[in-house]
Amino acid sequence: MESSQRGALGLVRLVACCLIIVGLLDAGLYITQYVGLYSRFQHHHGPRPSLHIVRIILDFIPVIAGLAIVIKARAVAEWVSNLIE
């Protein structure tokens, strides 16, 4: 493997890991916000806040994209190295 291909593979893996981390952080922040709201409303006997499943699914889209990039990392790295050259 040439140095340009190794660099492209490292770049692709970095981008994939960043996508996974951003997706997990976004979904985790939404879930912890819901848990905090639920614990506040539990004491007041008011209407319970709803957990939006669609929002969580949309927050996990970067995670799925990152996993797909990790699986196809070598092919994407070859494509990127061809673009660079």
C-alpha atoms as a PDB file:
ATOM      1  CA  MET A   1       0.000   0.000   0.000  1.00  0.00           C
ATOM      2  CA  GLU A   2       1.404   3.352  -1.023  1.00  0.00           C
ATOM      3  CA  SER A   3       1.741   6.303   1.292  1.00  0.00           C
ATOM      4  CA  SER A   4      -1.097   8.220  -0.406  1.00  0.00           C
ATOM      5  CA  GLN A   5      -3.406   5.233   0.048  1.00  0.00           C
ATOM      6  CA  ARG A   6      -2.403   4.883   3.709  1.00  0.00           C
ATOM      7  CA  GLY A   7      -3.034   8.587   4.268  1.00  0.00           C
ATOM      8  CA  ALA A   8      -6.406   8.366   2.544  1.00  0.00           C
ATOM      9  CA  LEU A   9      -7.318   5.308   4.620  1.00  0.00           C
ATOM     10  CA  GLY A  10      -6.389   7.149   7.814  1.00  0.00           C
ATOM     11  CA  LEU A  11      -8.463  10.146   6.740  1.00  0.00           C
ATOM     12  CA  VAL A  12     -11.464   7.963   5.921  1.00  0.00           C
ATOM     13  CA  ARG A  13     -11.247   6.183   9.266  1.00  0.00           C
ATOM     14  CA  LEU A  14     -10.945   9.516  11.096  1.00  0.00           C
ATOM     15  CA  VAL A  15     -14.029  10.904   9.363  1.00  0.00           C
ATOM     16  CA  ALA A  16     -15.973   7.711  10.092  1.00  0.00           C
ATOM     17  CA  CYS A  17     -15.030   7.792  13.778  1.00  0.00           C
ATOM     18  CA  CYS A  18     -15.987  11.459  14.025  1.00  0.00           C
ATOM     19  CA  LEU A  19     -19.382  10.733  12.461  1.00  0.00           C
ATOM     20  CA  ILE A  20     -19.989   7.912  14.930  1.00  0.00           C
ATOM     21  CA  ILE A  21     -18.996  10.069  17.901  1.00  0.00           C
ATOM     22  CA  VAL A  22     -21.158  13.005  16.779  1.00  0.00           C
ATOM     23  CA  GLY A  23     -24.183  10.767  16.275  1.00  0.00           C
ATOM     24  CA  LEU A  24     -23.772   9.085  19.650  1.00  0.00           C
ATOM     25  CA  LEU A  25     -23.282  12.412  21.429  1.00  0.00           C
ATOM     26  CA  ASP A  26     -26.324  13.937  19.767  1.00  0.00           C
ATOM     27  CA  ALA A  27     -28.594  11.003  20.611  1.00  0.00           C
ATOM     28  CA  GLY A  28     -27.140  10.742  24.113  1.00  0.00           C
ATOM     29  CA  LEU A  29     -27.719  14.420  24.816  1.00  0.00           C
ATOM     30  CA  TYR A  30     -31.329  14.141  23.677  1.00  0.00           C
ATOM     31  CA  ILE A  31     -31.937  11.064  25.847  1.00  0.00           C
ATOM     32  CA  THR A  32     -30.336  12.649  28.930  1.00  0.00           C
ATOM     33  CA  GLN A  33     -32.411  15.774  28.348  1.00  0.00           C
ATOM     34  CA  TYR A  34     -35.532  13.594  28.266  1.00  0.00           C
ATOM     35  CA  VAL A  35     -34.499  11.782  31.452  1.00  0.00           C
ATOM     36  CA  GLY A  36     -33.933  15.117  33.206  1.00  0.00           C
ATOM     37  CA  LEU A  37     -37.326  16.423  32.106  1.00  0.00           C
ATOM     38  CA  TYR A  38     -39.023  13.175  33.096  1.00  0.00           C
ATOM     39  CA  SER A  39     -37.548  13.284  36.601  1.00  0.00           C
ATOM     40  CA  ARG A  40     -38.781  16.879  37.024  1.00  0.00           C
ATOM     41  CA  PHE A  41     -42.297  16.095  35.827  1.00  0.00           C
ATOM     42  CA  GLN A  42     -42.505  12.962  37.961  1.00  0.00           C
ATOM     43  CA  HIS A  43     -42.907  15.077  41.122  1.00  0.00           C
ATOM     44  CA  HIS A  44     -45.568  17.434  39.746  1.00  0.00           C
ATOM     45  CA  HIS A  45     -48.095  14.875  38.416  1.00  0.00           C
ATOM     46  CA  GLY A  46     -48.397  16.899  35.230  1.00  0.00           C
ATOM     47  CA  PRO A  47     -48.389  15.636  31.663  1.00  0.00           C
ATOM     48  CA  ARG A  48     -45.380  13.487  30.982  1.00  0.00           C
ATOM     49  CA  PRO A  49     -43.027  14.719  28.222  1.00  0.00           C
ATOM     50  CA  SER A  50     -42.942  12.427  25.238  1.00  0.00           C
ATOM     51  CA  LEU A  51     -39.834  10.727  23.881  1.00  0.00           C
ATOM     52  CA  HIS A  52     -39.698  11.271  20.134  1.00  0.00           C
ATOM     53  CA  ILE A  53     -38.468   8.055  18.551  1.00  0.00           C
ATOM     54  CA  VAL A  54     -38.177   9.725  15.140  1.00  0.00           C
ATOM     55  CA  ARG A  55     -35.764  12.280  16.621  1.00  0.00           C
ATOM     56  CA  ILE A  56     -33.602   9.508  18.059  1.00  0.00           C
ATOM     57  CA  ILE A  57     -33.587   7.670  14.719  1.00  0.00           C
ATOM     58  CA  LEU A  58     -32.571  10.882  12.947  1.00  0.00           C
ATOM     59  CA  ASP A  59     -29.823  11.435  15.510  1.00  0.00           C
ATOM     60  CA  PHE A  60     -28.441   7.955  14.760  1.00  0.00           C
ATOM     61  CA  ILE A  61     -28.100   8.591  10.999  1.00  0.00           C
ATOM     62  CA  PRO A  62     -24.460   9.780  11.364  1.00  0.00           C
ATOM     63  CA  VAL A  63     -23.700   6.618  13.360  1.00  0.00           C
ATOM     64  CA  ILE A  64     -25.068   4.440  10.562  1.00  0.00           C
ATOM     65  CA  ALA A  65     -23.172   6.460   7.941  1.00  0.00           C
ATOM     66  CA  GLY A  66     -19.968   6.170   9.989  1.00  0.00           C
ATOM     67  CA  LEU A  67     -20.356   2.412  10.326  1.00  0.00           C
ATOM     68  CA  ALA A  68     -20.971   2.086   6.587  1.00  0.00           C
ATOM     69  CA  ILE A  69     -17.816   4.107   5.890  1.00  0.00           C
ATOM     70  CA  VAL A  70     -15.802   1.939   8.306  1.00  0.00           C
ATOM     71  CA  ILE A  71     -17.042  -1.205   6.556  1.00  0.00           C
ATOM     72  CA  LYS A  72     -16.177   0.166   3.104  1.00  0.00           C
ATOM     73  CA  ALA A  73     -13.070   2.069   4.275  1.00  0.00           C
ATOM     74  CA  ARG A  74     -10.629   0.561   1.812  1.00  0.00           C
ATOM     75  CA  ALA A  75     -12.841   1.251  -1.223  1.00  0.00           C
ATOM     76  CA  VAL A  76     -13.547   4.812  -0.086  1.00  0.00           C
ATOM     77  CA  ALA A  77      -9.828   5.339   0.588  1.00  0.00           C
ATOM     78  CA  GLU A  78      -8.945   4.199  -2.928  1.00  0.00           C
ATOM     79  CA  TRP A  79     -11.549   6.592  -4.325  1.00  0.00           C
ATOM     80  CA  VAL A  80     -10.156   9.468  -2.228  1.00  0.00           C
ATOM     81  CA  SER A  81      -6.560   8.700  -3.208  1.00  0.00           C
ATOM     82  CA  ASN A  82      -7.573   8.689  -6.871  1.00  0.00           C
ATOM     83  CA  LEU A  83      -9.214  12.088  -6.364  1.00  0.00           C
ATOM     84  CA  ILE A  84      -6.070  13.452  -4.720  1.00  0.00           C
ATOM     85  CA  GLU A  85      -3.801  12.287  -7.550  1.00  0.00           C
END
